[in-house]
N, C-alpha and C. Protein backbone atom coordinates (compact mmCIF):
# COMPACT_ATOMS: atom_id res chain seq x y z
N MET A 1 94.03 115.04 158.41
CA MET A 1 94.39 114.28 159.60
C MET A 1 94.55 112.82 159.20
N GLU A 2 95.54 112.19 159.75
CA GLU A 2 95.80 110.78 159.47
C GLU A 2 95.13 109.94 160.55
N PHE A 3 93.96 109.42 160.22
CA PHE A 3 93.17 108.66 161.19
C PHE A 3 93.93 107.44 161.70
N LYS A 4 94.65 106.74 160.81
CA LYS A 4 95.36 105.53 161.22
C LYS A 4 96.42 105.82 162.28
N LYS A 5 97.12 106.96 162.15
CA LYS A 5 98.12 107.32 163.13
C LYS A 5 97.49 107.59 164.49
N VAL A 6 96.34 108.24 164.48
CA VAL A 6 95.66 108.54 165.74
C VAL A 6 95.15 107.26 166.38
N TYR A 7 94.59 106.36 165.57
CA TYR A 7 94.09 105.09 166.11
C TYR A 7 95.23 104.26 166.69
N SER A 8 96.34 104.17 165.99
CA SER A 8 97.42 103.29 166.44
C SER A 8 98.30 103.92 167.50
N GLY A 9 98.54 105.22 167.41
CA GLY A 9 99.49 105.86 168.33
C GLY A 9 98.87 106.73 169.38
N GLY A 10 97.55 106.82 169.41
CA GLY A 10 96.91 107.71 170.37
C GLY A 10 96.32 106.97 171.55
N LYS A 11 95.91 107.75 172.53
CA LYS A 11 95.23 107.19 173.69
C LYS A 11 93.73 107.26 173.43
N ASN A 12 93.00 106.31 174.03
CA ASN A 12 91.56 106.35 173.87
C ASN A 12 90.88 106.45 175.23
N TYR A 13 89.75 107.14 175.21
CA TYR A 13 88.93 107.33 176.39
C TYR A 13 87.49 107.08 175.99
N TRP A 14 86.68 106.65 176.95
CA TRP A 14 85.30 106.39 176.60
C TRP A 14 84.39 106.66 177.78
N ASN A 15 83.13 106.88 177.46
CA ASN A 15 82.08 106.95 178.46
C ASN A 15 80.88 106.20 177.90
N LYS A 16 79.72 106.43 178.45
CA LYS A 16 78.53 105.65 178.06
C LYS A 16 78.16 105.84 176.60
N TYR A 17 78.41 107.03 176.03
CA TYR A 17 77.92 107.35 174.69
C TYR A 17 79.01 107.57 173.64
N LEU A 18 80.23 107.86 174.07
CA LEU A 18 81.27 108.26 173.11
C LEU A 18 82.60 107.57 173.39
N ILE A 19 83.41 107.51 172.34
CA ILE A 19 84.80 107.07 172.43
C ILE A 19 85.62 108.16 171.75
N ILE A 20 86.74 108.55 172.34
CA ILE A 20 87.64 109.47 171.64
C ILE A 20 89.04 108.88 171.61
N TYR A 21 89.74 109.19 170.54
CA TYR A 21 91.15 108.89 170.39
C TYR A 21 91.87 110.22 170.33
N VAL A 22 92.96 110.35 171.10
CA VAL A 22 93.69 111.60 171.19
C VAL A 22 95.17 111.33 170.97
N ARG A 23 95.78 112.20 170.16
CA ARG A 23 97.22 112.07 169.88
C ARG A 23 97.79 113.45 169.65
N LYS A 24 98.96 113.72 170.20
CA LYS A 24 99.62 115.00 169.94
C LYS A 24 100.03 115.05 168.47
N ASN A 25 99.91 116.25 167.86
CA ASN A 25 100.24 116.37 166.44
C ASN A 25 101.38 117.33 166.14
N ASN A 26 101.96 117.95 167.18
CA ASN A 26 103.09 118.88 167.03
C ASN A 26 102.78 120.05 166.10
N LEU A 27 101.52 120.45 166.05
CA LEU A 27 101.11 121.63 165.28
C LEU A 27 100.59 122.68 166.26
N ASN A 28 100.33 123.87 165.74
CA ASN A 28 99.83 124.96 166.59
C ASN A 28 98.32 124.97 166.68
N TYR A 29 97.67 123.95 166.19
CA TYR A 29 96.21 123.90 166.22
C TYR A 29 95.76 122.46 166.41
N THR A 30 94.51 122.33 166.79
CA THR A 30 93.92 121.01 167.03
C THR A 30 93.04 120.64 165.85
N ARG A 31 93.16 119.39 165.43
CA ARG A 31 92.31 118.87 164.35
C ARG A 31 91.35 117.87 164.95
N ILE A 32 90.11 117.91 164.49
CA ILE A 32 89.10 117.01 165.03
C ILE A 32 88.42 116.27 163.89
N GLY A 33 88.17 114.98 164.10
CA GLY A 33 87.50 114.16 163.10
C GLY A 33 86.38 113.38 163.75
N TYR A 34 85.42 113.00 162.94
CA TYR A 34 84.26 112.25 163.41
C TYR A 34 84.19 110.96 162.62
N SER A 35 84.02 109.84 163.30
CA SER A 35 83.92 108.55 162.66
C SER A 35 82.67 107.86 163.18
N ILE A 36 81.69 107.68 162.30
CA ILE A 36 80.41 107.13 162.73
C ILE A 36 80.13 105.88 161.91
N SER A 37 80.03 104.75 162.60
CA SER A 37 79.84 103.46 161.95
C SER A 37 78.44 103.34 161.37
N LYS A 38 78.32 102.53 160.34
CA LYS A 38 77.01 102.25 159.77
C LYS A 38 76.13 101.47 160.74
N LYS A 39 76.72 100.87 161.75
CA LYS A 39 75.95 100.16 162.77
C LYS A 39 75.10 101.11 163.60
N VAL A 40 75.47 102.39 163.61
CA VAL A 40 74.73 103.38 164.40
C VAL A 40 73.36 103.64 163.78
N GLY A 41 73.27 103.66 162.47
CA GLY A 41 72.00 103.91 161.81
C GLY A 41 72.22 104.24 160.35
N ASN A 42 71.13 104.63 159.70
CA ASN A 42 71.24 105.00 158.29
C ASN A 42 71.90 106.37 158.16
N SER A 43 72.06 106.85 156.95
CA SER A 43 72.81 108.08 156.72
C SER A 43 72.15 109.29 157.38
N VAL A 44 70.85 109.31 157.44
CA VAL A 44 70.14 110.43 158.08
C VAL A 44 70.49 110.49 159.56
N VAL A 45 70.47 109.35 160.22
CA VAL A 45 70.78 109.28 161.65
C VAL A 45 72.24 109.63 161.90
N ARG A 46 73.13 109.07 161.10
CA ARG A 46 74.57 109.35 161.28
C ARG A 46 74.87 110.83 161.08
N ASN A 47 74.27 111.44 160.06
CA ASN A 47 74.52 112.86 159.81
C ASN A 47 73.95 113.74 160.91
N LYS A 48 72.82 113.34 161.48
CA LYS A 48 72.22 114.10 162.58
C LYS A 48 73.17 114.12 163.78
N ILE A 49 73.70 112.96 164.12
CA ILE A 49 74.64 112.88 165.24
C ILE A 49 75.89 113.70 164.95
N ARG A 50 76.42 113.57 163.74
CA ARG A 50 77.63 114.31 163.36
C ARG A 50 77.39 115.81 163.43
N ARG A 51 76.26 116.28 162.91
CA ARG A 51 75.94 117.72 162.96
C ARG A 51 75.83 118.21 164.40
N ARG A 52 75.20 117.42 165.25
CA ARG A 52 75.09 117.79 166.66
C ARG A 52 76.46 117.89 167.31
N MET A 53 77.33 116.91 167.07
CA MET A 53 78.66 116.93 167.67
C MET A 53 79.47 118.12 167.18
N LYS A 54 79.37 118.43 165.89
CA LYS A 54 80.09 119.57 165.35
C LYS A 54 79.61 120.88 165.96
N GLU A 55 78.31 120.99 166.16
CA GLU A 55 77.75 122.21 166.74
C GLU A 55 78.15 122.35 168.21
N ILE A 56 78.13 121.27 168.95
CA ILE A 56 78.57 121.30 170.34
C ILE A 56 80.03 121.73 170.42
N TYR A 57 80.85 121.16 169.55
CA TYR A 57 82.27 121.53 169.52
C TYR A 57 82.43 123.02 169.19
N ARG A 58 81.67 123.49 168.23
CA ARG A 58 81.77 124.89 167.81
C ARG A 58 81.35 125.84 168.93
N LEU A 59 80.27 125.52 169.63
CA LEU A 59 79.72 126.43 170.62
C LEU A 59 80.37 126.32 172.00
N LYS A 60 80.62 125.12 172.44
CA LYS A 60 81.01 124.91 173.83
C LYS A 60 82.47 124.59 174.07
N LEU A 61 83.14 124.05 173.09
CA LEU A 61 84.48 123.53 173.33
C LEU A 61 85.55 124.38 172.68
N ASN A 62 85.44 125.69 172.87
CA ASN A 62 86.43 126.59 172.27
C ASN A 62 87.69 126.70 173.13
N ASN A 63 87.72 126.01 174.27
CA ASN A 63 88.90 126.04 175.12
C ASN A 63 89.66 124.71 175.10
N ILE A 64 89.65 124.06 173.94
CA ILE A 64 90.42 122.83 173.74
C ILE A 64 91.90 123.20 173.61
N LYS A 65 92.75 122.40 174.23
CA LYS A 65 94.20 122.65 174.13
C LYS A 65 94.66 122.49 172.68
N GLU A 66 95.67 123.26 172.32
CA GLU A 66 96.20 123.21 170.96
C GLU A 66 97.20 122.07 170.81
N GLY A 67 97.32 121.58 169.57
CA GLY A 67 98.34 120.59 169.27
C GLY A 67 97.91 119.15 169.39
N TYR A 68 96.63 118.88 169.15
CA TYR A 68 96.12 117.50 169.25
C TYR A 68 95.35 117.11 168.00
N ASP A 69 95.36 115.82 167.71
CA ASP A 69 94.43 115.23 166.75
C ASP A 69 93.42 114.45 167.58
N ILE A 70 92.14 114.68 167.32
CA ILE A 70 91.08 114.05 168.10
C ILE A 70 90.09 113.39 167.14
N ILE A 71 89.72 112.15 167.44
CA ILE A 71 88.67 111.46 166.69
C ILE A 71 87.57 111.13 167.68
N ILE A 72 86.35 111.52 167.36
CA ILE A 72 85.19 111.24 168.20
C ILE A 72 84.35 110.17 167.52
N ILE A 73 84.02 109.13 168.26
CA ILE A 73 83.21 108.03 167.74
C ILE A 73 82.00 107.84 168.65
N PRO A 74 80.80 108.08 168.14
CA PRO A 74 79.62 107.83 168.98
C PRO A 74 79.29 106.34 169.01
N LYS A 75 78.79 105.88 170.14
CA LYS A 75 78.33 104.50 170.26
C LYS A 75 76.89 104.42 169.76
N ARG A 76 76.39 103.20 169.61
CA ARG A 76 75.03 103.00 169.10
C ARG A 76 73.97 103.69 169.95
N ASN A 77 74.14 103.67 171.26
CA ASN A 77 73.12 104.25 172.13
C ASN A 77 73.09 105.78 172.11
N ALA A 78 74.02 106.41 171.40
CA ALA A 78 74.02 107.88 171.28
C ALA A 78 72.88 108.36 170.40
N VAL A 79 72.27 107.46 169.64
CA VAL A 79 71.16 107.83 168.76
C VAL A 79 69.95 108.30 169.56
N ASN A 80 69.74 107.69 170.71
CA ASN A 80 68.52 107.92 171.48
C ASN A 80 68.62 109.01 172.53
N ILE A 81 69.72 109.74 172.57
CA ILE A 81 69.87 110.75 173.62
C ILE A 81 69.58 112.15 173.07
N SER A 82 69.30 113.05 173.99
CA SER A 82 68.98 114.43 173.61
C SER A 82 70.28 115.20 173.33
N TYR A 83 70.12 116.39 172.79
CA TYR A 83 71.24 117.27 172.49
C TYR A 83 72.01 117.58 173.78
N LEU A 84 71.28 117.88 174.86
CA LEU A 84 71.93 118.24 176.12
C LEU A 84 72.72 117.06 176.72
N GLU A 85 72.19 115.84 176.57
CA GLU A 85 72.91 114.67 177.05
C GLU A 85 74.18 114.44 176.24
N LEU A 86 74.10 114.66 174.93
CA LEU A 86 75.28 114.52 174.07
C LEU A 86 76.32 115.59 174.42
N GLU A 87 75.86 116.79 174.69
CA GLU A 87 76.77 117.87 175.09
C GLU A 87 77.48 117.51 176.39
N SER A 88 76.74 117.01 177.36
CA SER A 88 77.31 116.61 178.63
C SER A 88 78.33 115.48 178.45
N ALA A 89 78.01 114.51 177.59
CA ALA A 89 78.91 113.39 177.33
C ALA A 89 80.20 113.88 176.67
N MET A 90 80.09 114.83 175.75
CA MET A 90 81.29 115.36 175.08
C MET A 90 82.16 116.12 176.07
N LEU A 91 81.56 116.96 176.91
CA LEU A 91 82.35 117.69 177.91
C LEU A 91 83.04 116.71 178.86
N HIS A 92 82.33 115.69 179.28
CA HIS A 92 82.89 114.69 180.18
C HIS A 92 84.08 113.98 179.56
N ILE A 93 83.94 113.57 178.33
CA ILE A 93 85.01 112.79 177.71
C ILE A 93 86.24 113.66 177.38
N PHE A 94 86.02 114.93 177.09
CA PHE A 94 87.17 115.81 176.86
C PHE A 94 87.90 116.07 178.17
N LYS A 95 87.18 116.11 179.28
CA LYS A 95 87.83 116.26 180.59
C LYS A 95 88.60 115.00 180.94
N LEU A 96 88.04 113.82 180.60
CA LEU A 96 88.76 112.57 180.84
C LEU A 96 90.08 112.54 180.09
N GLY A 97 90.07 113.00 178.86
CA GLY A 97 91.27 113.02 178.03
C GLY A 97 92.23 114.13 178.37
N ASP A 98 91.83 115.02 179.30
CA ASP A 98 92.66 116.16 179.72
C ASP A 98 93.09 117.02 178.53
N ILE A 99 92.15 117.26 177.62
CA ILE A 99 92.47 118.11 176.48
C ILE A 99 91.65 119.38 176.49
N ILE A 100 90.96 119.64 177.59
CA ILE A 100 90.19 120.86 177.70
C ILE A 100 90.88 121.73 178.77
N GLU A 101 91.08 122.99 178.44
CA GLU A 101 91.73 123.90 179.38
C GLU A 101 90.74 124.31 180.44
N LYS A 102 91.22 124.40 181.63
CA LYS A 102 90.32 124.73 182.75
C LYS A 102 90.25 126.20 182.99
């Protein structure tokens, strides 16, 4: 996935804990990327958040529309939230971006 293309040519949506960038990719599948700044925490903290987001995507978000490139960026305050709060934030932001099938 070309992160620069998604950043420059995509739309962005945000809520209290997450930011996403979304761009159509003209493919038959959706690609997802995670970008976590060093400002969020050390490598242990960043990997914990990334693993949680990947697991939520794997388990709960199997009805994502096809043909998109998505980048998920957690904000600093995402470190202190529970798994369920992160799951709720991800579902909310995917609904904002209208990339989840109803």
